[in-house]
PDB file of all heavy atoms in Angstrom:
ATOM      1  N   LEU A   1      -2.945 -24.593   4.588  1.00  0.00           N
ATOM      2  CA  LEU A   1      -3.021 -23.560   3.593  1.00  0.00           C
ATOM      3  C   LEU A   1      -4.362 -23.576   2.855  1.00  0.00           C
ATOM      4  O   LEU A   1      -4.948 -22.460   2.607  1.00  0.00           O
ATOM      5  CB  LEU A   1      -1.839 -23.711   2.549  1.00  0.00           C
ATOM      6  CG  LEU A   1      -1.770 -22.725   1.379  1.00  0.00           C
ATOM      7  CD1 LEU A   1      -1.620 -21.297   1.921  1.00  0.00           C
ATOM      8  CD2 LEU A   1      -0.699 -23.054   0.436  1.00  0.00           C
ATOM      9  N   ARG A   2      -4.865 -24.746   2.549  1.00  0.00           N
ATOM     10  CA  ARG A   2      -6.190 -24.826   1.943  1.00  0.00           C
ATOM     11  C   ARG A   2      -7.283 -24.317   2.877  1.00  0.00           C
ATOM     12  O   ARG A   2      -8.200 -23.631   2.415  1.00  0.00           O
ATOM     13  CB  ARG A   2      -6.476 -26.253   1.514  1.00  0.00           C
ATOM     14  CG  ARG A   2      -5.706 -26.720   0.283  1.00  0.00           C
ATOM     15  CD  ARG A   2      -6.268 -27.996  -0.300  1.00  0.00           C
ATOM     16  NE  ARG A   2      -6.074 -29.091   0.607  1.00  0.00           N
ATOM     17  CZ  ARG A   2      -4.998 -29.889   0.661  1.00  0.00           C
ATOM     18  NH1 ARG A   2      -4.052 -29.730  -0.204  1.00  0.00           N
ATOM     19  NH2 ARG A   2      -4.950 -30.866   1.505  1.00  0.00           N
ATOM     20  N   ALA A   3      -7.145 -24.644   4.158  1.00  0.00           N
ATOM     21  CA  ALA A   3      -8.134 -24.099   5.117  1.00  0.00           C
ATOM     22  C   ALA A   3      -8.094 -22.566   5.217  1.00  0.00           C
ATOM     23  O   ALA A   3      -9.076 -21.875   5.281  1.00  0.00           O
ATOM     24  CB  ALA A   3      -7.880 -24.734   6.505  1.00  0.00           C
ATOM     25  N   LEU A   4      -6.827 -21.986   5.134  1.00  0.00           N
ATOM     26  CA  LEU A   4      -6.712 -20.553   5.201  1.00  0.00           C
ATOM     27  C   LEU A   4      -7.289 -19.905   3.919  1.00  0.00           C
ATOM     28  O   LEU A   4      -7.938 -18.856   4.017  1.00  0.00           O
ATOM     29  CB  LEU A   4      -5.232 -20.188   5.362  1.00  0.00           C
ATOM     30  CG  LEU A   4      -4.894 -18.685   5.325  1.00  0.00           C
ATOM     31  CD1 LEU A   4      -5.519 -18.046   6.584  1.00  0.00           C
ATOM     32  CD2 LEU A   4      -3.365 -18.475   5.371  1.00  0.00           C
ATOM     33  N   GLU A   5      -7.137 -20.547   2.797  1.00  0.00           N
ATOM     34  CA  GLU A   5      -7.694 -20.012   1.554  1.00  0.00           C
ATOM     35  C   GLU A   5      -9.186 -20.008   1.635  1.00  0.00           C
ATOM     36  O   GLU A   5      -9.858 -19.062   1.166  1.00  0.00           O
ATOM     37  CB  GLU A   5      -7.155 -20.841   0.329  1.00  0.00           C
ATOM     38  CG  GLU A   5      -5.720 -20.647   0.082  1.00  0.00           C
ATOM     39  CD  GLU A   5      -5.196 -21.547  -1.058  1.00  0.00           C
ATOM     40  OE1 GLU A   5      -6.065 -22.384  -1.550  1.00  0.00           O
ATOM     41  OE2 GLU A   5      -4.084 -21.356  -1.505  1.00  0.00           O
ATOM     42  N   LEU A   6      -9.755 -21.028   2.163  1.00  0.00           N
ATOM     43  CA  LEU A   6     -11.226 -21.098   2.274  1.00  0.00           C
ATOM     44  C   LEU A   6     -11.742 -20.094   3.270  1.00  0.00           C
ATOM     45  O   LEU A   6     -12.882 -19.532   3.078  1.00  0.00           O
ATOM     46  CB  LEU A   6     -11.630 -22.544   2.656  1.00  0.00           C
ATOM     47  CG  LEU A   6     -11.434 -23.641   1.673  1.00  0.00           C
ATOM     48  CD1 LEU A   6     -11.812 -24.980   2.205  1.00  0.00           C
ATOM     49  CD2 LEU A   6     -12.210 -23.349   0.359  1.00  0.00           C
ATOM     50  N   ARG A   7     -11.026 -19.830   4.318  1.00  0.00           N
ATOM     51  CA  ARG A   7     -11.515 -18.901   5.350  1.00  0.00           C
ATOM     52  C   ARG A   7     -11.343 -17.429   4.923  1.00  0.00           C
ATOM     53  O   ARG A   7     -12.151 -16.575   5.211  1.00  0.00           O
ATOM     54  CB  ARG A   7     -10.716 -19.148   6.644  1.00  0.00           C
ATOM     55  CG  ARG A   7     -11.237 -18.320   7.841  1.00  0.00           C
ATOM     56  CD  ARG A   7     -10.619 -18.770   9.141  1.00  0.00           C
ATOM     57  NE  ARG A   7      -9.151 -18.592   9.169  1.00  0.00           N
ATOM     58  CZ  ARG A   7      -8.229 -19.542   9.053  1.00  0.00           C
ATOM     59  NH1 ARG A   7      -8.704 -20.811   8.981  1.00  0.00           N
ATOM     60  NH2 ARG A   7      -6.939 -19.324   9.069  1.00  0.00           N
ATOM     61  N   THR A   8     -10.302 -17.100   4.214  1.00  0.00           N
ATOM     62  CA  THR A   8      -9.987 -15.711   3.813  1.00  0.00           C
ATOM     63  C   THR A   8     -10.416 -15.401   2.432  1.00  0.00           C
ATOM     64  O   THR A   8     -10.508 -14.222   2.031  1.00  0.00           O
ATOM     65  CB  THR A   8      -8.498 -15.421   3.982  1.00  0.00           C
ATOM     66  OG1 THR A   8      -7.723 -16.328   3.144  1.00  0.00           O
ATOM     67  CG2 THR A   8      -8.055 -15.590   5.436  1.00  0.00           C
ATOM     68  N   GLY A   9     -10.729 -16.432   1.622  1.00  0.00           N
ATOM     69  CA  GLY A   9     -11.091 -16.156   0.233  1.00  0.00           C
ATOM     70  C   GLY A   9      -9.908 -15.845  -0.696  1.00  0.00           C
ATOM     71  O   GLY A   9     -10.084 -15.447  -1.822  1.00  0.00           O
ATOM     72  N   ILE A  10      -8.704 -16.067  -0.211  1.00  0.00           N
ATOM     73  CA  ILE A  10      -7.509 -15.809  -1.058  1.00  0.00           C
ATOM     74  C   ILE A  10      -7.171 -17.088  -1.749  1.00  0.00           C
ATOM     75  O   ILE A  10      -6.763 -18.086  -1.139  1.00  0.00           O
ATOM     76  CB  ILE A  10      -6.343 -15.396  -0.190  1.00  0.00           C
ATOM     77  CG1 ILE A  10      -6.641 -14.047   0.556  1.00  0.00           C
ATOM     78  CG2 ILE A  10      -5.103 -15.172  -1.068  1.00  0.00           C
ATOM     79  CD1 ILE A  10      -5.597 -13.559   1.498  1.00  0.00           C
ATOM     80  N   ALA A  11      -7.333 -17.116  -3.049  1.00  0.00           N
ATOM     81  CA  ALA A  11      -7.030 -18.355  -3.864  1.00  0.00           C
ATOM     82  C   ALA A  11      -5.561 -18.402  -4.224  1.00  0.00           C
ATOM     83  O   ALA A  11      -4.978 -19.501  -4.169  1.00  0.00           O
ATOM     84  CB  ALA A  11      -7.928 -18.376  -5.074  1.00  0.00           C
ATOM     85  N   ASP A  12      -5.029 -17.268  -4.689  1.00  0.00           N
ATOM     86  CA  ASP A  12      -3.652 -17.244  -5.072  1.00  0.00           C
ATOM     87  C   ASP A  12      -2.877 -16.390  -4.075  1.00  0.00           C
ATOM     88  O   ASP A  12      -2.974 -15.117  -4.137  1.00  0.00           O
ATOM     89  CB  ASP A  12      -3.515 -16.760  -6.506  1.00  0.00           C
ATOM     90  CG  ASP A  12      -2.115 -16.917  -7.073  1.00  0.00           C
ATOM     91  OD1 ASP A  12      -1.208 -17.348  -6.309  1.00  0.00           O
ATOM     92  OD2 ASP A  12      -1.943 -16.720  -8.309  1.00  0.00           O
ATOM     93  N   LEU A  13      -2.108 -16.978  -3.244  1.00  0.00           N
ATOM     94  CA  LEU A  13      -1.383 -16.217  -2.185  1.00  0.00           C
ATOM     95  C   LEU A  13      -0.260 -15.366  -2.792  1.00  0.00           C
ATOM     96  O   LEU A  13      -0.076 -14.209  -2.419  1.00  0.00           O
ATOM     97  CB  LEU A  13      -0.795 -17.170  -1.166  1.00  0.00           C
ATOM     98  CG  LEU A  13      -0.102 -16.486   0.017  1.00  0.00           C
ATOM     99  CD1 LEU A  13      -1.117 -15.641   0.812  1.00  0.00           C
ATOM    100  CD2 LEU A  13       0.493 -17.543   0.968  1.00  0.00           C
ATOM    101  N   ASN A  14       0.403 -15.883  -3.809  1.00  0.00           N
ATOM    102  CA  ASN A  14       1.469 -15.101  -4.419  1.00  0.00           C
ATOM    103  C   ASN A  14       0.923 -13.872  -5.199  1.00  0.00           C
ATOM    104  O   ASN A  14       1.464 -12.789  -5.073  1.00  0.00           O
ATOM    105  CB  ASN A  14       2.241 -16.002  -5.423  1.00  0.00           C
ATOM    106  CG  ASN A  14       3.017 -17.085  -4.647  1.00  0.00           C
ATOM    107  OD1 ASN A  14       3.498 -16.890  -3.549  1.00  0.00           O
ATOM    108  ND2 ASN A  14       3.151 -18.241  -5.382  1.00  0.00           N
ATOM    109  N   ASN A  15      -0.202 -14.054  -5.873  1.00  0.00           N
ATOM    110  CA  ASN A  15      -0.781 -12.931  -6.585  1.00  0.00           C
ATOM    111  C   ASN A  15      -1.319 -11.908  -5.607  1.00  0.00           C
ATOM    112  O   ASN A  15      -1.135 -10.727  -5.828  1.00  0.00           O
ATOM    113  CB  ASN A  15      -1.922 -13.461  -7.451  1.00  0.00           C
ATOM    114  CG  ASN A  15      -2.490 -12.379  -8.400  1.00  0.00           C
ATOM    115  OD1 ASN A  15      -1.806 -11.342  -8.582  1.00  0.00           O
ATOM    116  ND2 ASN A  15      -3.617 -12.631  -8.938  1.00  0.00           N
ATOM    117  N   GLN A  16      -1.905 -12.335  -4.481  1.00  0.00           N
ATOM    118  CA  GLN A  16      -2.359 -11.412  -3.461  1.00  0.00           C
ATOM    119  C   GLN A  16      -1.227 -10.665  -2.865  1.00  0.00           C
ATOM    120  O   GLN A  16      -1.304  -9.487  -2.594  1.00  0.00           O
ATOM    121  CB  GLN A  16      -3.139 -12.183  -2.446  1.00  0.00           C
ATOM    122  CG  GLN A  16      -3.834 -11.326  -1.349  1.00  0.00           C
ATOM    123  CD  GLN A  16      -5.009 -10.607  -1.967  1.00  0.00           C
ATOM    124  OE1 GLN A  16      -5.533 -10.935  -3.069  1.00  0.00           O
ATOM    125  NE2 GLN A  16      -5.457  -9.505  -1.295  1.00  0.00           N
ATOM    126  N   ARG A  17      -0.122 -11.324  -2.601  1.00  0.00           N
ATOM    127  CA  ARG A  17       1.045 -10.689  -2.011  1.00  0.00           C
ATOM    128  C   ARG A  17       1.579  -9.651  -3.000  1.00  0.00           C
ATOM    129  O   ARG A  17       2.023  -8.544  -2.560  1.00  0.00           O
ATOM    130  CB  ARG A  17       2.125 -11.739  -1.691  1.00  0.00           C
ATOM    131  CG  ARG A  17       3.376 -11.118  -1.023  1.00  0.00           C
ATOM    132  CD  ARG A  17       4.442 -12.170  -0.766  1.00  0.00           C
ATOM    133  NE  ARG A  17       4.012 -13.207   0.098  1.00  0.00           N
ATOM    134  CZ  ARG A  17       3.785 -14.468  -0.260  1.00  0.00           C
ATOM    135  NH1 ARG A  17       3.904 -14.791  -1.577  1.00  0.00           N
ATOM    136  NH2 ARG A  17       3.453 -15.389   0.610  1.00  0.00           N
ATOM    137  N   GLN A  18       1.639  -9.941  -4.311  1.00  0.00           N
ATOM    138  CA  GLN A  18       2.080  -9.032  -5.272  1.00  0.00           C
ATOM    139  C   GLN A  18       1.247  -7.738  -5.340  1.00  0.00           C
ATOM    140  O   GLN A  18       1.716  -6.648  -5.414  1.00  0.00           O
ATOM    141  CB  GLN A  18       2.215  -9.683  -6.653  1.00  0.00           C
ATOM    142  CG  GLN A  18       2.829  -8.788  -7.762  1.00  0.00           C
ATOM    143  CD  GLN A  18       2.959  -9.574  -9.017  1.00  0.00           C
ATOM    144  OE1 GLN A  18       2.568 -10.666  -9.159  1.00  0.00           O
ATOM    145  NE2 GLN A  18       3.546  -8.863 -10.016  1.00  0.00           N
ATOM    146  N   LYS A  19      -0.131  -7.932  -5.329  1.00  0.00           N
ATOM    147  CA  LYS A  19      -1.014  -6.823  -5.312  1.00  0.00           C
ATOM    148  C   LYS A  19      -0.843  -5.958  -4.083  1.00  0.00           C
ATOM    149  O   LYS A  19      -0.797  -4.718  -4.198  1.00  0.00           O
ATOM    150  CB  LYS A  19      -2.420  -7.314  -5.439  1.00  0.00           C
ATOM    151  CG  LYS A  19      -2.792  -7.919  -6.729  1.00  0.00           C
ATOM    152  CD  LYS A  19      -4.227  -8.358  -6.801  1.00  0.00           C
ATOM    153  CE  LYS A  19      -4.577  -8.975  -8.182  1.00  0.00           C
ATOM    154  NZ  LYS A  19      -6.028  -9.422  -8.216  1.00  0.00           N
ATOM    155  N   LEU A  20      -0.738  -6.596  -2.945  1.00  0.00           N
ATOM    156  CA  LEU A  20      -0.543  -5.830  -1.707  1.00  0.00           C
ATOM    157  C   LEU A  20       0.792  -5.037  -1.729  1.00  0.00           C
ATOM    158  O   LEU A  20       0.872  -3.924  -1.231  1.00  0.00           O
ATOM    159  CB  LEU A  20      -0.586  -6.710  -0.472  1.00  0.00           C
ATOM    160  CG  LEU A  20      -2.007  -7.347  -0.202  1.00  0.00           C
ATOM    161  CD1 LEU A  20      -1.901  -8.277   0.994  1.00  0.00           C
ATOM    162  CD2 LEU A  20      -2.990  -6.237   0.123  1.00  0.00           C
ATOM    163  N   THR A  21       1.787  -5.628  -2.290  1.00  0.00           N
ATOM    164  CA  THR A  21       3.133  -4.957  -2.376  1.00  0.00           C
ATOM    165  C   THR A  21       3.026  -3.777  -3.283  1.00  0.00           C
ATOM    166  O   THR A  21       3.546  -2.671  -2.974  1.00  0.00           O
ATOM    167  CB  THR A  21       4.183  -5.955  -2.940  1.00  0.00           C
ATOM    168  OG1 THR A  21       4.238  -7.102  -2.067  1.00  0.00           O
ATOM    169  CG2 THR A  21       5.545  -5.270  -2.968  1.00  0.00           C
ATOM    170  N   LEU A  22       2.327  -3.883  -4.401  1.00  0.00           N
ATOM    171  CA  LEU A  22       2.126  -2.718  -5.327  1.00  0.00           C
ATOM    172  C   LEU A  22       1.295  -1.631  -4.634  1.00  0.00           C
ATOM    173  O   LEU A  22       1.586  -0.448  -4.773  1.00  0.00           O
ATOM    174  CB  LEU A  22       1.454  -3.183  -6.647  1.00  0.00           C
ATOM    175  CG  LEU A  22       2.298  -4.144  -7.561  1.00  0.00           C
ATOM    176  CD1 LEU A  22       1.482  -4.597  -8.721  1.00  0.00           C
ATOM    177  CD2 LEU A  22       3.600  -3.445  -7.979  1.00  0.00           C
ATOM    178  N   GLN A  23       0.265  -2.054  -3.904  1.00  0.00           N
ATOM    179  CA  GLN A  23      -0.578  -1.058  -3.260  1.00  0.00           C
ATOM    180  C   GLN A  23       0.199  -0.343  -2.142  1.00  0.00           C
ATOM    181  O   GLN A  23       0.043   0.872  -2.031  1.00  0.00           O
ATOM    182  CB  GLN A  23      -1.810  -1.749  -2.653  1.00  0.00           C
ATOM    183  CG  GLN A  23      -2.818  -0.813  -2.019  1.00  0.00           C
ATOM    184  CD  GLN A  23      -4.031  -1.574  -1.508  1.00  0.00           C
ATOM    185  OE1 GLN A  23      -4.109  -2.816  -1.631  1.00  0.00           O
ATOM    186  NE2 GLN A  23      -4.944  -0.820  -0.939  1.00  0.00           N
ATOM    187  N   LEU A  24       0.986  -1.070  -1.437  1.00  0.00           N
ATOM    188  CA  LEU A  24       1.840  -0.483  -0.392  1.00  0.00           C
ATOM    189  C   LEU A  24       2.859   0.516  -1.010  1.00  0.00           C
ATOM    190  O   LEU A  24       3.075   1.596  -0.438  1.00  0.00           O
ATOM    191  CB  LEU A  24       2.575  -1.583   0.377  1.00  0.00           C
ATOM    192  CG  LEU A  24       3.504  -1.082   1.520  1.00  0.00           C
ATOM    193  CD1 LEU A  24       2.688  -0.288   2.566  1.00  0.00           C
ATOM    194  CD2 LEU A  24       4.204  -2.287   2.161  1.00  0.00           C
ATOM    195  N   GLY A  25       3.429   0.148  -2.172  1.00  0.00           N
ATOM    196  CA  GLY A  25       4.332   1.064  -2.874  1.00  0.00           C
ATOM    197  C   GLY A  25       3.646   2.329  -3.275  1.00  0.00           C
ATOM    198  O   GLY A  25       4.215   3.448  -3.150  1.00  0.00           O
ATOM    199  N   GLY A  26       2.363   2.273  -3.800  1.00  0.00           N
ATOM    200  CA  GLY A  26       1.633   3.442  -4.184  1.00  0.00           C
ATOM    201  C   GLY A  26       1.341   4.349  -2.948  1.00  0.00           C
ATOM    202  O   GLY A  26       1.434   5.530  -3.015  1.00  0.00           O
ATOM    203  N   LEU A  27       0.886   3.699  -1.834  1.00  0.00           N
ATOM    204  CA  LEU A  27       0.647   4.504  -0.634  1.00  0.00           C
ATOM    205  C   LEU A  27       1.935   5.212  -0.141  1.00  0.00           C
ATOM    206  O   LEU A  27       1.839   6.332   0.398  1.00  0.00           O
ATOM    207  CB  LEU A  27       0.070   3.564   0.438  1.00  0.00           C
ATOM    208  CG  LEU A  27      -1.325   3.007   0.175  1.00  0.00           C
ATOM    209  CD1 LEU A  27      -1.731   2.014   1.263  1.00  0.00           C
ATOM    210  CD2 LEU A  27      -2.358   4.145   0.036  1.00  0.00           C
ATOM    211  N   GLU A  28       3.049   4.537  -0.191  1.00  0.00           N
ATOM    212  CA  GLU A  28       4.271   5.213   0.249  1.00  0.00           C
ATOM    213  C   GLU A  28       4.611   6.351  -0.670  1.00  0.00           C
ATOM    214  O   GLU A  28       5.119   7.398  -0.152  1.00  0.00           O
ATOM    215  CB  GLU A  28       5.424   4.187   0.180  1.00  0.00           C
ATOM    216  CG  GLU A  28       5.352   3.102   1.354  1.00  0.00           C
ATOM    217  CD  GLU A  28       6.528   2.110   1.299  1.00  0.00           C
ATOM    218  OE1 GLU A  28       7.241   2.149   0.266  1.00  0.00           O
ATOM    219  OE2 GLU A  28       6.654   1.309   2.228  1.00  0.00           O
ATOM    220  N   ASP A  29       4.377   6.287  -1.984  1.00  0.00           N
ATOM    221  CA  ASP A  29       4.626   7.380  -2.915  1.00  0.00           C
ATOM    222  C   ASP A  29       3.692   8.576  -2.533  1.00  0.00           C
ATOM    223  O   ASP A  29       4.175   9.751  -2.490  1.00  0.00           O
ATOM    224  CB  ASP A  29       4.399   6.954  -4.356  1.00  0.00           C
ATOM    225  CG  ASP A  29       5.487   5.941  -4.767  1.00  0.00           C
ATOM    226  OD1 ASP A  29       6.558   5.894  -4.140  1.00  0.00           O
ATOM    227  OD2 ASP A  29       5.212   5.204  -5.784  1.00  0.00           O
ATOM    228  N   ASP A  30       2.394   8.284  -2.310  1.00  0.00           N
ATOM    229  CA  ASP A  30       1.483   9.361  -1.901  1.00  0.00           C
ATOM    230  C   ASP A  30       1.884   9.971  -0.596  1.00  0.00           C
ATOM    231  O   ASP A  30       1.769  11.210  -0.455  1.00  0.00           O
ATOM    232  CB  ASP A  30       0.046   8.784  -1.804  1.00  0.00           C
ATOM    233  CG  ASP A  30      -0.491   8.332  -3.147  1.00  0.00           C
ATOM    234  OD1 ASP A  30       0.061   8.787  -4.191  1.00  0.00           O
ATOM    235  OD2 ASP A  30      -1.421   7.470  -3.177  1.00  0.00           O
ATOM    236  N   TYR A  31       2.340   9.184   0.333  1.00  0.00           N
ATOM    237  CA  TYR A  31       2.775   9.729   1.673  1.00  0.00           C
ATOM    238  C   TYR A  31       3.958  10.657   1.453  1.00  0.00           C
ATOM    239  O   TYR A  31       4.005  11.750   2.036  1.00  0.00           O
ATOM    240  CB  TYR A  31       3.135   8.556   2.570  1.00  0.00           C
ATOM    241  CG  TYR A  31       3.673   8.981   3.897  1.00  0.00           C
ATOM    242  CD1 TYR A  31       2.888   9.561   4.886  1.00  0.00           C
ATOM    243  CD2 TYR A  31       5.058   8.910   4.143  1.00  0.00           C
ATOM    244  CE1 TYR A  31       3.467   9.969   6.122  1.00  0.00           C
ATOM    245  CE2 TYR A  31       5.586   9.285   5.324  1.00  0.00           C
ATOM    246  CZ  TYR A  31       4.844   9.862   6.333  1.00  0.00           C
ATOM    247  OH  TYR A  31       5.353  10.251   7.546  1.00  0.00           O
ATOM    248  N   ASN A  32       4.967  10.261   0.698  1.00  0.00           N
ATOM    249  CA  ASN A  32       6.104  11.074   0.449  1.00  0.00           C
ATOM    250  C   ASN A  32       5.694  12.371  -0.282  1.00  0.00           C
ATOM    251  O   ASN A  32       6.260  13.473   0.024  1.00  0.00           O
ATOM    252  CB  ASN A  32       7.137  10.346  -0.363  1.00  0.00           C
ATOM    253  CG  ASN A  32       7.762   9.143   0.379  1.00  0.00           C
ATOM    254  OD1 ASN A  32       7.799   9.183   1.592  1.00  0.00           O
ATOM    255  ND2 ASN A  32       8.144   8.109  -0.331  1.00  0.00           N
ATOM    256  N   LYS A  33       4.801  12.310  -1.230  1.00  0.00           N
ATOM    257  CA  LYS A  33       4.330  13.491  -1.921  1.00  0.00           C
ATOM    258  C   LYS A  33       3.602  14.434  -1.008  1.00  0.00           C
ATOM    259  O   LYS A  33       3.795  15.658  -1.014  1.00  0.00           O
ATOM    260  CB  LYS A  33       3.459  13.102  -3.142  1.00  0.00           C
ATOM    261  CG  LYS A  33       2.914  14.256  -3.948  1.00  0.00           C
ATOM    262  CD  LYS A  33       2.085  13.728  -5.118  1.00  0.00           C
ATOM    263  CE  LYS A  33       1.613  14.920  -5.937  1.00  0.00           C
ATOM    264  NZ  LYS A  33       0.742  14.408  -7.079  1.00  0.00           N
ATOM    265  N   THR A  34       2.734  13.901  -0.146  1.00  0.00           N
ATOM    266  CA  THR A  34       1.999  14.729   0.840  1.00  0.00           C
ATOM    267  C   THR A  34       2.986  15.419   1.825  1.00  0.00           C
ATOM    268  O   THR A  34       2.832  16.602   2.204  1.00  0.00           O
ATOM    269  CB  THR A  34       1.000  13.861   1.589  1.00  0.00           C
ATOM    270  OG1 THR A  34       0.133  13.223   0.646  1.00  0.00           O
ATOM    271  CG2 THR A  34       0.191  14.719   2.530  1.00  0.00           C
ATOM    272  N   GLN A  35       3.996  14.653   2.260  1.00  0.00           N
ATOM    273  CA  GLN A  35       5.007  15.188   3.150  1.00  0.00           C
ATOM    274  C   GLN A  35       5.764  16.385   2.500  1.00  0.00           C
ATOM    275  O   GLN A  35       5.994  17.400   3.146  1.00  0.00           O
ATOM    276  CB  GLN A  35       5.971  14.122   3.578  1.00  0.00           C
ATOM    277  CG  GLN A  35       5.410  13.099   4.564  1.00  0.00           C
ATOM    278  CD  GLN A  35       5.169  13.693   5.887  1.00  0.00           C
ATOM    279  OE1 GLN A  35       4.000  13.866   6.281  1.00  0.00           O
ATOM    280  NE2 GLN A  35       6.222  13.997   6.599  1.00  0.00           N
ATOM    281  N   ALA A  36       6.039  16.222   1.200  1.00  0.00           N
ATOM    282  CA  ALA A  36       6.757  17.322   0.513  1.00  0.00           C
ATOM    283  C   ALA A  36       5.817  18.560   0.406  1.00  0.00           C
ATOM    284  O   ALA A  36       6.298  19.679   0.599  1.00  0.00           O
ATOM    285  CB  ALA A  36       7.190  16.808  -0.869  1.00  0.00           C
ATOM    286  N   GLU A  37       4.548  18.346   0.018  1.00  0.00           N
ATOM    287  CA  GLU A  37       3.647  19.496  -0.078  1.00  0.00           C
ATOM    288  C   GLU A  37       3.446  20.161   1.266  1.00  0.00           C
ATOM    289  O   GLU A  37       3.370  21.411   1.388  1.00  0.00           O
ATOM    290  CB  GLU A  37       2.272  19.019  -0.609  1.00  0.00           C
ATOM    291  CG  GLU A  37       2.390  18.535  -2.109  1.00  0.00           C
ATOM    292  CD  GLU A  37       1.025  18.025  -2.551  1.00  0.00           C
ATOM    293  OE1 GLU A  37       0.098  17.922  -1.774  1.00  0.00           O
ATOM    294  OE2 GLU A  37       0.958  17.679  -3.808  1.00  0.00           O
ATOM    295  N   LEU A  38       3.345  19.353   2.350  1.00  0.00           N
ATOM    296  CA  LEU A  38       3.227  19.890   3.698  1.00  0.00           C
ATOM    297  C   LEU A  38       4.431  20.768   4.105  1.00  0.00           C
ATOM    298  O   LEU A  38       4.263  21.876   4.637  1.00  0.00           O
ATOM    299  CB  LEU A  38       2.979  18.800   4.698  1.00  0.00           C
ATOM    300  CG  LEU A  38       2.845  19.201   6.153  1.00  0.00           C
ATOM    301  CD1 LEU A  38       1.660  20.167   6.357  1.00  0.00           C
ATOM    302  CD2 LEU A  38       2.736  18.001   7.072  1.00  0.00           C
ATOM    303  N   ALA A  39       5.621  20.307   3.736  1.00  0.00           N
ATOM    304  CA  ALA A  39       6.854  21.046   4.047  1.00  0.00           C
ATOM    305  C   ALA A  39       6.853  22.366   3.280  1.00  0.00           C
ATOM    306  O   ALA A  39       7.189  23.437   3.810  1.00  0.00           O
ATOM    307  CB  ALA A  39       8.059  20.185   3.751  1.00  0.00           C
ATOM    308  N   ALA A  40       6.436  22.308   2.002  1.00  0.00           N
ATOM    309  CA  ALA A  40       6.402  23.559   1.191  1.00  0.00           C
ATOM    310  C   ALA A  40       5.383  24.549   1.758  1.00  0.00           C
ATOM    311  O   ALA A  40       5.615  25.766   1.797  1.00  0.00           O
ATOM    312  CB  ALA A  40       6.106  23.202  -0.221  1.00  0.00           C
ATOM    313  N   THR A  41       4.208  24.069   2.179  1.00  0.00           N
ATOM    314  CA  THR A  41       3.214  24.925   2.746  1.00  0.00           C
ATOM    315  C   THR A  41       3.636  25.573   4.013  1.00  0.00           C
ATOM    316  O   THR A  41       3.429  26.731   4.275  1.00  0.00           O
ATOM    317  CB  THR A  41       1.898  24.095   2.972  1.00  0.00           C
ATOM    318  OG1 THR A  41       1.541  23.533   1.715  1.00  0.00           O
ATOM    319  CG2 THR A  41       0.765  25.036   3.494  1.00  0.00           C
ATOM    320  N   ILE A  42       4.320  24.771   4.914  1.00  0.00           N
ATOM    321  CA  ILE A  42       4.824  25.311   6.110  1.00  0.00           C
ATOM    322  C   ILE A  42       5.851  26.409   5.880  1.00  0.00           C
ATOM    323  O   ILE A  42       5.893  27.481   6.558  1.00  0.00           O
ATOM    324  CB  ILE A  42       5.385  24.207   7.032  1.00  0.00           C
ATOM    325  CG1 ILE A  42       4.265  23.261   7.508  1.00  0.00           C
ATOM    326  CG2 ILE A  42       6.173  24.731   8.198  1.00  0.00           C
ATOM    327  CD1 ILE A  42       4.719  22.076   8.280  1.00  0.00           C
ATOM    328  N   THR A  43       6.728  26.180   4.883  1.00  0.00           N
ATOM    329  CA  THR A  43       7.759  27.145   4.554  1.00  0.00           C
ATOM    330  C   THR A  43       7.113  28.497   4.041  1.00  0.00           C
ATOM    331  O   THR A  43       7.537  29.559   4.398  1.00  0.00           O
ATOM    332  CB  THR A  43       8.750  26.609   3.527  1.00  0.00           C
ATOM    333  OG1 THR A  43       9.318  25.417   4.061  1.00  0.00           O
ATOM    334  CG2 THR A  43       9.879  27.576   3.215  1.00  0.00           C
ATOM    335  N   GLU A  44       6.120  28.338   3.194  1.00  0.00           N
ATOM    336  CA  GLU A  44       5.423  29.502   2.688  1.00  0.00           C
ATOM    337  C   GLU A  44       4.758  30.289   3.822  1.00  0.00           C
ATOM    338  O   GLU A  44       4.741  31.507   3.820  1.00  0.00           O
ATOM    339  CB  GLU A  44       4.464  29.096   1.602  1.00  0.00           C
ATOM    340  CG  GLU A  44       3.794  30.248   0.891  1.00  0.00           C
ATOM    341  CD  GLU A  44       2.819  29.832  -0.162  1.00  0.00           C
ATOM    342  OE1 GLU A  44       2.723  28.557  -0.413  1.00  0.00           O
ATOM    343  OE2 GLU A  44       2.192  30.680  -0.827  1.00  0.00           O
ATOM    344  N   LEU A  45       4.131  29.498   4.729  1.00  0.00           N
ATOM    345  CA  LEU A  45       3.407  30.202   5.824  1.00  0.00           C
ATOM    346  C   LEU A  45       4.400  30.940   6.718  1.00  0.00           C
ATOM    347  O   LEU A  45       4.105  32.072   7.175  1.00  0.00           O
ATOM    348  CB  LEU A  45       2.688  29.136   6.631  1.00  0.00           C
ATOM    349  CG  LEU A  45       1.960  29.614   7.862  1.00  0.00           C
ATOM    350  CD1 LEU A  45       0.906  30.608   7.507  1.00  0.00           C
ATOM    351  CD2 LEU A  45       1.389  28.465   8.683  1.00  0.00           C
TER     352      LEU A  45
END
């Protein structure tokens, strides 16, 4: 684990995992919003 931290620069694995989880949640929200806008645009067209 210490060798992996030195190689990747990740000091706190739990904190990094929490940040990636929050970022993934935000990307999923944007994806769902884009899908809804695309469906509305297709219906209007």
